[in-house]
Amino acid sequence: MPIRKLREFLDSHGVRYFAVSHSPAYTAQEVAASAHVPGKEMAKTVIVRLDGTMAMAVLPASRQLDFDRLREASGAADVCLAGEAEFAGRFPGCEPGAMPPFGNLYGMEVFMDEELEDDDDIAFNAGTHRELLRLSYSDFSRLVRPKVAPISAAGGGLPSQ
């Protein structure tokens, strides 16, 4: 979903947001720094498989996914990181690794780390490695209806299994 379609979706729901252009950045921490967004407000989207079904895990850029916690929160027996080749076609118009955390628009369940609820705003990649959107957490939660749980651990590196 290119940023235009995401903007149309937000506009159709009366959501106020800010689009921020920044120099190309590929990790969530780099995006946060480039766009001057605190790492705890910058959400990164990790695509996982829960008992074989694709889902989104959304967590602060400054944290890493804890697979045991996600397993507990989701009730899935098998939780693993999805390979890029498995989900590349599910996000038309998005650059790899820059999917916005709107699983509802892609037919995917969204699990979100509870730390993202602590701030008034949430920021995330808007389909490219050069743009992000920032909007109120309450609007994001209202539209996406994520399952909120403690699914992360300290550290911003790659998820550990």
N, C-alpha and C. Protein backbone atom coordinates (compact mmCIF):
# COMPACT_ATOMS: atom_id res chain seq x y z
N MET A 1 0.85 -1.17 0.00
CA MET A 1 0.00 0.00 0.00
C MET A 1 0.90 1.23 0.00
N PRO A 2 0.94 1.94 -1.09
CA PRO A 2 1.75 3.16 -1.10
C PRO A 2 1.17 4.18 -0.11
N ILE A 3 1.98 5.16 0.23
CA ILE A 3 1.57 6.15 1.23
C ILE A 3 0.27 6.85 0.82
N ARG A 4 0.04 7.02 -0.46
CA ARG A 4 -1.19 7.68 -0.92
C ARG A 4 -2.42 6.91 -0.46
N LYS A 5 -2.42 5.59 -0.60
CA LYS A 5 -3.57 4.79 -0.18
C LYS A 5 -3.72 4.80 1.33
N LEU A 6 -2.62 4.78 2.04
CA LEU A 6 -2.69 4.84 3.50
C LEU A 6 -3.26 6.19 3.93
N ARG A 7 -2.82 7.25 3.29
CA ARG A 7 -3.36 8.59 3.59
C ARG A 7 -4.86 8.64 3.31
N GLU A 8 -5.29 8.07 2.18
CA GLU A 8 -6.72 8.06 1.84
C GLU A 8 -7.51 7.32 2.92
N PHE A 9 -6.98 6.20 3.39
CA PHE A 9 -7.65 5.44 4.45
C PHE A 9 -7.79 6.29 5.71
N LEU A 10 -6.69 6.93 6.11
CA LEU A 10 -6.73 7.76 7.31
C LEU A 10 -7.67 8.95 7.13
N ASP A 11 -7.59 9.59 5.97
CA ASP A 11 -8.48 10.72 5.69
C ASP A 11 -9.95 10.31 5.74
N SER A 12 -10.27 9.14 5.20
CA SER A 12 -11.66 8.67 5.18
C SER A 12 -12.20 8.40 6.58
N HIS A 13 -11.30 8.24 7.54
CA HIS A 13 -11.70 8.00 8.93
C HIS A 13 -11.49 9.24 9.81
N GLY A 14 -11.21 10.37 9.18
CA GLY A 14 -11.08 11.63 9.92
C GLY A 14 -9.88 11.68 10.84
N VAL A 15 -8.82 11.00 10.49
CA VAL A 15 -7.62 10.95 11.34
C VAL A 15 -6.66 12.06 10.95
N ARG A 16 -6.18 12.79 11.96
CA ARG A 16 -5.13 13.80 11.73
C ARG A 16 -3.79 13.09 11.88
N TYR A 17 -2.89 13.37 10.95
CA TYR A 17 -1.58 12.73 10.96
C TYR A 17 -0.56 13.68 10.35
N PHE A 18 0.69 13.36 10.58
CA PHE A 18 1.79 14.12 9.99
C PHE A 18 2.62 13.15 9.16
N ALA A 19 2.94 13.56 7.94
CA ALA A 19 3.85 12.79 7.10
C ALA A 19 5.22 13.42 7.23
N VAL A 20 6.22 12.61 7.44
CA VAL A 20 7.59 13.10 7.61
C VAL A 20 8.48 12.43 6.57
N SER A 21 9.11 13.24 5.74
CA SER A 21 10.10 12.73 4.79
C SER A 21 11.46 12.81 5.45
N HIS A 22 12.28 11.80 5.21
CA HIS A 22 13.61 11.78 5.81
C HIS A 22 14.58 11.11 4.84
N SER A 23 15.85 11.20 5.12
CA SER A 23 16.83 10.54 4.27
C SER A 23 16.63 9.03 4.40
N PRO A 24 17.01 8.26 3.37
CA PRO A 24 16.78 6.82 3.43
C PRO A 24 17.38 6.20 4.69
N ALA A 25 16.58 5.37 5.35
CA ALA A 25 17.01 4.67 6.56
C ALA A 25 16.34 3.31 6.55
N TYR A 26 17.05 2.29 7.00
CA TYR A 26 16.55 0.93 6.83
C TYR A 26 16.24 0.19 8.12
N THR A 27 16.77 0.61 9.23
CA THR A 27 16.37 -0.01 10.49
C THR A 27 15.45 0.97 11.20
N ALA A 28 14.62 0.45 12.08
CA ALA A 28 13.68 1.32 12.79
C ALA A 28 14.41 2.37 13.61
N GLN A 29 15.54 2.00 14.21
CA GLN A 29 16.31 2.96 14.99
C GLN A 29 16.88 4.06 14.10
N GLU A 30 17.35 3.69 12.89
CA GLU A 30 17.86 4.70 11.94
C GLU A 30 16.75 5.64 11.50
N VAL A 31 15.57 5.08 11.23
CA VAL A 31 14.43 5.91 10.82
C VAL A 31 14.09 6.89 11.93
N ALA A 32 14.02 6.40 13.16
CA ALA A 32 13.69 7.27 14.30
C ALA A 32 14.69 8.41 14.42
N ALA A 33 15.97 8.10 14.30
CA ALA A 33 17.00 9.13 14.40
C ALA A 33 16.91 10.12 13.24
N SER A 34 16.73 9.60 12.03
CA SER A 34 16.67 10.44 10.84
C SER A 34 15.48 11.39 10.87
N ALA A 35 14.35 10.90 11.42
CA ALA A 35 13.13 11.70 11.46
C ALA A 35 12.94 12.43 12.79
N HIS A 36 13.93 12.31 13.68
CA HIS A 36 13.87 12.96 14.99
C HIS A 36 12.65 12.52 15.80
N VAL A 37 12.43 11.22 15.84
CA VAL A 37 11.34 10.62 16.60
C VAL A 37 11.97 9.75 17.69
N PRO A 38 11.54 9.88 18.94
CA PRO A 38 12.09 9.02 19.99
C PRO A 38 11.90 7.55 19.64
N GLY A 39 12.92 6.73 19.87
CA GLY A 39 12.87 5.31 19.54
C GLY A 39 11.70 4.58 20.15
N LYS A 40 11.25 5.02 21.32
CA LYS A 40 10.12 4.35 21.97
C LYS A 40 8.79 4.69 21.32
N GLU A 41 8.73 5.76 20.52
CA GLU A 41 7.50 6.12 19.79
C GLU A 41 7.50 5.59 18.37
N MET A 42 8.67 5.19 17.88
CA MET A 42 8.78 4.67 16.52
C MET A 42 8.45 3.18 16.54
N ALA A 43 7.39 2.81 15.86
CA ALA A 43 6.95 1.42 15.83
C ALA A 43 7.58 0.71 14.64
N LYS A 44 8.08 -0.49 14.90
CA LYS A 44 8.56 -1.32 13.79
C LYS A 44 7.63 -2.51 13.65
N THR A 45 7.46 -2.93 12.42
CA THR A 45 6.57 -4.04 12.11
C THR A 45 7.41 -5.26 11.77
N VAL A 46 7.17 -6.34 12.49
CA VAL A 46 7.86 -7.61 12.25
C VAL A 46 6.80 -8.61 11.80
N ILE A 47 7.04 -9.26 10.68
CA ILE A 47 6.08 -10.24 10.17
C ILE A 47 6.46 -11.62 10.73
N VAL A 48 5.48 -12.25 11.34
CA VAL A 48 5.69 -13.55 11.97
C VAL A 48 4.65 -14.54 11.45
N ARG A 49 4.92 -15.82 11.72
CA ARG A 49 3.94 -16.87 11.46
C ARG A 49 3.51 -17.43 12.80
N LEU A 50 2.20 -17.45 13.02
CA LEU A 50 1.62 -18.00 14.24
C LEU A 50 0.84 -19.24 13.82
N ASP A 51 1.36 -20.39 14.15
CA ASP A 51 0.77 -21.66 13.71
C ASP A 51 0.52 -21.64 12.21
N GLY A 52 1.48 -21.11 11.46
CA GLY A 52 1.43 -21.09 10.00
C GLY A 52 0.70 -19.91 9.38
N THR A 53 0.05 -19.08 10.19
CA THR A 53 -0.69 -17.93 9.67
C THR A 53 0.13 -16.66 9.88
N MET A 54 0.24 -15.85 8.83
CA MET A 54 0.99 -14.59 8.92
C MET A 54 0.28 -13.62 9.84
N ALA A 55 1.09 -12.90 10.63
CA ALA A 55 0.58 -11.86 11.53
C ALA A 55 1.65 -10.79 11.66
N MET A 56 1.25 -9.65 12.21
CA MET A 56 2.19 -8.55 12.47
C MET A 56 2.45 -8.46 13.97
N ALA A 57 3.71 -8.29 14.29
CA ALA A 57 4.10 -7.95 15.66
C ALA A 57 4.65 -6.53 15.57
N VAL A 58 4.10 -5.63 16.36
CA VAL A 58 4.48 -4.22 16.31
C VAL A 58 5.07 -3.85 17.65
N LEU A 59 6.29 -3.30 17.62
CA LEU A 59 6.98 -2.98 18.86
C LEU A 59 7.83 -1.74 18.69
N PRO A 60 8.24 -1.13 19.81
CA PRO A 60 9.09 0.06 19.70
C PRO A 60 10.41 -0.27 19.02
N ALA A 61 10.92 0.70 18.27
CA ALA A 61 12.20 0.52 17.57
C ALA A 61 13.33 0.15 18.53
N SER A 62 13.22 0.60 19.75
CA SER A 62 14.28 0.38 20.74
C SER A 62 14.21 -0.99 21.41
N ARG A 63 13.26 -1.83 21.00
CA ARG A 63 13.07 -3.14 21.63
C ARG A 63 13.20 -4.26 20.59
N GLN A 64 13.24 -5.49 21.05
CA GLN A 64 13.24 -6.62 20.13
C GLN A 64 12.10 -7.56 20.49
N LEU A 65 11.65 -8.31 19.51
CA LEU A 65 10.54 -9.22 19.70
C LEU A 65 10.96 -10.39 20.59
N ASP A 66 10.13 -10.70 21.56
CA ASP A 66 10.34 -11.85 22.44
C ASP A 66 9.34 -12.93 22.00
N PHE A 67 9.85 -13.97 21.35
CA PHE A 67 8.97 -14.99 20.79
C PHE A 67 8.19 -15.76 21.85
N ASP A 68 8.77 -15.97 23.02
CA ASP A 68 8.04 -16.65 24.09
C ASP A 68 6.84 -15.82 24.54
N ARG A 69 7.05 -14.51 24.67
CA ARG A 69 5.95 -13.63 25.08
C ARG A 69 4.87 -13.56 24.00
N LEU A 70 5.29 -13.53 22.73
CA LEU A 70 4.31 -13.51 21.65
C LEU A 70 3.54 -14.82 21.62
N ARG A 71 4.21 -15.93 21.84
CA ARG A 71 3.55 -17.23 21.89
C ARG A 71 2.47 -17.23 22.97
N GLU A 72 2.81 -16.70 24.13
CA GLU A 72 1.85 -16.63 25.24
C GLU A 72 0.68 -15.71 24.89
N ALA A 73 0.98 -14.54 24.33
CA ALA A 73 -0.07 -13.56 24.01
C ALA A 73 -1.01 -14.05 22.91
N SER A 74 -0.46 -14.78 21.96
CA SER A 74 -1.26 -15.22 20.81
C SER A 74 -1.95 -16.56 21.04
N GLY A 75 -1.42 -17.34 21.96
CA GLY A 75 -1.95 -18.68 22.16
C GLY A 75 -1.50 -19.66 21.10
N ALA A 76 -0.58 -19.26 20.24
CA ALA A 76 -0.07 -20.13 19.19
C ALA A 76 0.96 -21.10 19.76
N ALA A 77 1.01 -22.30 19.23
CA ALA A 77 2.01 -23.28 19.64
C ALA A 77 3.32 -23.03 18.90
N ASP A 78 3.21 -22.62 17.63
CA ASP A 78 4.40 -22.41 16.80
C ASP A 78 4.47 -20.95 16.39
N VAL A 79 5.52 -20.27 16.84
CA VAL A 79 5.73 -18.86 16.51
C VAL A 79 7.12 -18.72 15.91
N CYS A 80 7.19 -18.16 14.72
CA CYS A 80 8.50 -17.96 14.10
C CYS A 80 8.47 -16.72 13.21
N LEU A 81 9.66 -16.24 12.92
CA LEU A 81 9.82 -15.10 12.02
C LEU A 81 9.49 -15.56 10.61
N ALA A 82 8.73 -14.77 9.88
CA ALA A 82 8.41 -15.09 8.48
C ALA A 82 9.55 -14.61 7.60
N GLY A 83 9.88 -15.37 6.60
CA GLY A 83 10.90 -14.97 5.64
C GLY A 83 10.35 -13.95 4.67
N GLU A 84 11.21 -13.05 4.23
CA GLU A 84 10.77 -11.99 3.33
C GLU A 84 10.10 -12.54 2.08
N ALA A 85 10.61 -13.63 1.54
CA ALA A 85 10.03 -14.22 0.34
C ALA A 85 8.59 -14.70 0.58
N GLU A 86 8.28 -15.05 1.82
CA GLU A 86 6.94 -15.54 2.17
C GLU A 86 5.88 -14.44 2.12
N PHE A 87 6.29 -13.21 2.42
CA PHE A 87 5.27 -12.15 2.54
C PHE A 87 5.46 -11.00 1.57
N ALA A 88 6.46 -11.05 0.71
CA ALA A 88 6.74 -9.93 -0.19
C ALA A 88 5.51 -9.51 -1.01
N GLY A 89 4.74 -10.45 -1.50
CA GLY A 89 3.59 -10.14 -2.34
C GLY A 89 2.37 -9.63 -1.58
N ARG A 90 2.39 -9.70 -0.26
CA ARG A 90 1.23 -9.28 0.53
C ARG A 90 1.16 -7.77 0.71
N PHE A 91 2.24 -7.08 0.39
CA PHE A 91 2.31 -5.63 0.63
C PHE A 91 2.64 -4.89 -0.67
N PRO A 92 1.72 -4.90 -1.63
CA PRO A 92 2.00 -4.23 -2.91
C PRO A 92 2.27 -2.74 -2.72
N GLY A 93 3.28 -2.27 -3.41
CA GLY A 93 3.62 -0.85 -3.33
C GLY A 93 4.51 -0.50 -2.16
N CYS A 94 4.76 -1.45 -1.27
CA CYS A 94 5.62 -1.19 -0.11
C CYS A 94 7.02 -1.73 -0.37
N GLU A 95 8.00 -0.98 0.07
CA GLU A 95 9.37 -1.47 0.00
C GLU A 95 9.56 -2.54 1.08
N PRO A 96 10.38 -3.55 0.80
CA PRO A 96 10.61 -4.60 1.80
C PRO A 96 11.07 -4.00 3.13
N GLY A 97 10.43 -4.41 4.21
CA GLY A 97 10.80 -3.94 5.53
C GLY A 97 10.19 -2.60 5.92
N ALA A 98 9.34 -2.03 5.08
CA ALA A 98 8.75 -0.71 5.38
C ALA A 98 7.23 -0.77 5.46
N MET A 99 6.68 -1.94 5.76
CA MET A 99 5.24 -2.10 5.82
C MET A 99 4.66 -1.32 7.00
N PRO A 100 3.57 -0.59 6.77
CA PRO A 100 2.92 0.09 7.89
C PRO A 100 2.19 -0.95 8.75
N PRO A 101 2.03 -0.68 10.04
CA PRO A 101 1.45 -1.67 10.95
C PRO A 101 -0.08 -1.75 10.91
N PHE A 102 -0.64 -1.66 9.73
CA PHE A 102 -2.09 -1.72 9.56
C PHE A 102 -2.48 -3.10 9.05
N GLY A 103 -2.32 -4.11 9.88
CA GLY A 103 -2.65 -5.47 9.50
C GLY A 103 -4.08 -5.62 9.05
N ASN A 104 -4.98 -4.80 9.59
CA ASN A 104 -6.38 -4.86 9.19
C ASN A 104 -6.55 -4.60 7.69
N LEU A 105 -5.65 -3.86 7.09
CA LEU A 105 -5.74 -3.58 5.65
C LEU A 105 -5.13 -4.69 4.81
N TYR A 106 -4.43 -5.60 5.45
CA TYR A 106 -3.77 -6.70 4.74
C TYR A 106 -4.30 -8.06 5.17
N GLY A 107 -5.39 -8.09 5.92
CA GLY A 107 -5.96 -9.35 6.37
C GLY A 107 -5.08 -10.08 7.37
N MET A 108 -4.39 -9.31 8.23
CA MET A 108 -3.48 -9.90 9.20
C MET A 108 -3.81 -9.43 10.60
N GLU A 109 -3.69 -10.33 11.55
CA GLU A 109 -3.86 -9.97 12.95
C GLU A 109 -2.64 -9.16 13.40
N VAL A 110 -2.86 -8.21 14.30
CA VAL A 110 -1.78 -7.35 14.80
C VAL A 110 -1.64 -7.53 16.31
N PHE A 111 -0.42 -7.89 16.71
CA PHE A 111 -0.07 -7.95 18.13
C PHE A 111 0.89 -6.79 18.39
N MET A 112 0.58 -5.98 19.38
CA MET A 112 1.38 -4.79 19.64
C MET A 112 1.91 -4.80 21.06
N ASP A 113 3.17 -4.41 21.18
CA ASP A 113 3.77 -4.34 22.51
C ASP A 113 3.11 -3.24 23.32
N GLU A 114 2.86 -3.54 24.58
CA GLU A 114 2.16 -2.62 25.46
C GLU A 114 2.90 -1.30 25.68
N GLU A 115 4.22 -1.28 25.48
CA GLU A 115 4.96 -0.02 25.67
C GLU A 115 4.52 1.07 24.70
N LEU A 116 4.02 0.69 23.54
CA LEU A 116 3.58 1.70 22.58
C LEU A 116 2.34 2.45 23.05
N GLU A 117 1.62 1.90 24.01
CA GLU A 117 0.45 2.58 24.57
C GLU A 117 0.84 3.73 25.49
N ASP A 118 2.09 3.75 25.92
CA ASP A 118 2.54 4.74 26.91
C ASP A 118 2.64 6.15 26.36
N ASP A 119 2.68 6.30 25.04
CA ASP A 119 2.84 7.62 24.43
C ASP A 119 1.55 8.06 23.74
N ASP A 120 1.39 9.36 23.61
CA ASP A 120 0.21 9.89 22.94
C ASP A 120 0.22 9.62 21.45
N ASP A 121 1.43 9.56 20.86
CA ASP A 121 1.58 9.39 19.41
C ASP A 121 2.31 8.11 19.08
N ILE A 122 2.14 7.68 17.84
CA ILE A 122 2.86 6.54 17.29
C ILE A 122 3.35 6.95 15.90
N ALA A 123 4.56 6.54 15.56
CA ALA A 123 5.13 6.82 14.25
C ALA A 123 5.57 5.50 13.63
N PHE A 124 5.52 5.41 12.30
CA PHE A 124 5.85 4.15 11.64
C PHE A 124 6.17 4.41 10.17
N ASN A 125 6.88 3.46 9.56
CA ASN A 125 7.16 3.54 8.14
C ASN A 125 5.84 3.54 7.38
N ALA A 126 5.80 4.34 6.33
CA ALA A 126 4.58 4.47 5.53
C ALA A 126 4.73 3.80 4.18
N GLY A 127 5.41 2.65 4.15
CA GLY A 127 5.56 1.90 2.91
C GLY A 127 6.87 2.13 2.20
N THR A 128 7.65 3.12 2.65
CA THR A 128 8.96 3.37 2.05
C THR A 128 9.99 3.57 3.16
N HIS A 129 11.24 3.58 2.76
CA HIS A 129 12.33 3.83 3.71
C HIS A 129 12.68 5.31 3.77
N ARG A 130 11.79 6.17 3.22
CA ARG A 130 12.02 7.61 3.20
C ARG A 130 10.87 8.42 3.79
N GLU A 131 9.78 7.76 4.17
CA GLU A 131 8.63 8.48 4.72
C GLU A 131 8.05 7.73 5.90
N LEU A 132 7.61 8.49 6.87
CA LEU A 132 6.88 7.89 7.97
C LEU A 132 5.66 8.73 8.27
N LEU A 133 4.73 8.12 8.95
CA LEU A 133 3.54 8.82 9.40
C LEU A 133 3.54 8.83 10.91
N ARG A 134 2.99 9.91 11.46
CA ARG A 134 2.85 10.05 12.90
C ARG A 134 1.41 10.45 13.17
N LEU A 135 0.76 9.74 14.08
CA LEU A 135 -0.61 10.03 14.42
C LEU A 135 -0.86 9.67 15.87
N SER A 136 -2.03 10.00 16.36
CA SER A 136 -2.30 9.71 17.77
C SER A 136 -2.44 8.21 17.96
N TYR A 137 -1.95 7.75 19.10
CA TYR A 137 -2.07 6.33 19.41
C TYR A 137 -3.55 5.95 19.47
N SER A 138 -4.39 6.81 20.01
CA SER A 138 -5.81 6.46 20.14
C SER A 138 -6.45 6.24 18.77
N ASP A 139 -6.10 7.06 17.77
CA ASP A 139 -6.64 6.84 16.42
C ASP A 139 -6.11 5.54 15.83
N PHE A 140 -4.82 5.29 16.00
CA PHE A 140 -4.23 4.05 15.51
C PHE A 140 -4.95 2.85 16.13
N SER A 141 -5.11 2.86 17.43
CA SER A 141 -5.74 1.75 18.13
C SER A 141 -7.20 1.56 17.69
N ARG A 142 -7.90 2.65 17.49
CA ARG A 142 -9.30 2.59 17.05
C ARG A 142 -9.42 1.94 15.68
N LEU A 143 -8.50 2.25 14.76
CA LEU A 143 -8.57 1.74 13.40
C LEU A 143 -8.04 0.31 13.27
N VAL A 144 -6.96 0.01 13.97
CA VAL A 144 -6.28 -1.28 13.80
C VAL A 144 -6.79 -2.33 14.78
N ARG A 145 -7.18 -1.90 15.97
CA ARG A 145 -7.62 -2.79 17.04
C ARG A 145 -6.60 -3.90 17.31
N PRO A 146 -5.36 -3.50 17.62
CA PRO A 146 -4.34 -4.52 17.87
C PRO A 146 -4.59 -5.24 19.20
N LYS A 147 -4.05 -6.44 19.30
CA LYS A 147 -4.04 -7.15 20.57
C LYS A 147 -2.79 -6.68 21.30
N VAL A 148 -2.97 -6.00 22.40
CA VAL A 148 -1.87 -5.38 23.13
C VAL A 148 -1.41 -6.31 24.24
N ALA A 149 -0.10 -6.55 24.28
CA ALA A 149 0.48 -7.45 25.29
C ALA A 149 1.96 -7.15 25.39
N PRO A 150 2.61 -7.62 26.46
CA PRO A 150 4.06 -7.45 26.56
C PRO A 150 4.75 -8.47 25.66
N ILE A 151 5.14 -8.06 24.44
CA ILE A 151 5.73 -9.00 23.48
C ILE A 151 7.17 -8.67 23.14
N SER A 152 7.79 -7.73 23.85
CA SER A 152 9.16 -7.34 23.51
C SER A 152 10.09 -7.49 24.70
N ALA A 153 11.37 -7.38 24.38
CA ALA A 153 12.42 -7.39 25.39
C ALA A 153 13.39 -6.26 25.07
N ALA A 154 14.22 -5.90 26.02
CA ALA A 154 15.18 -4.83 25.81
C ALA A 154 16.10 -5.15 24.64
N GLY A 155 16.53 -4.09 23.96
CA GLY A 155 17.43 -4.26 22.83
C GLY A 155 16.69 -4.03 21.53
N GLY A 156 17.35 -3.45 20.56
CA GLY A 156 16.70 -3.13 19.30
C GLY A 156 17.21 -3.96 18.14
N GLY A 157 17.94 -5.02 18.43
CA GLY A 157 18.51 -5.84 17.35
C GLY A 157 17.49 -6.74 16.70
N LEU A 158 17.98 -7.76 16.07
CA LEU A 158 17.11 -8.72 15.40
C LEU A 158 16.33 -9.50 16.45
N PRO A 159 15.12 -9.94 16.10
CA PRO A 159 14.34 -10.73 17.04
C PRO A 159 15.08 -12.02 17.38
N SER A 160 14.90 -12.48 18.60
CA SER A 160 15.51 -13.76 18.98
C SER A 160 14.41 -14.78 19.17
N GLN A 161 14.74 -16.03 18.85
CA GLN A 161 13.72 -17.08 18.96
C GLN A 161 14.01 -17.99 20.11
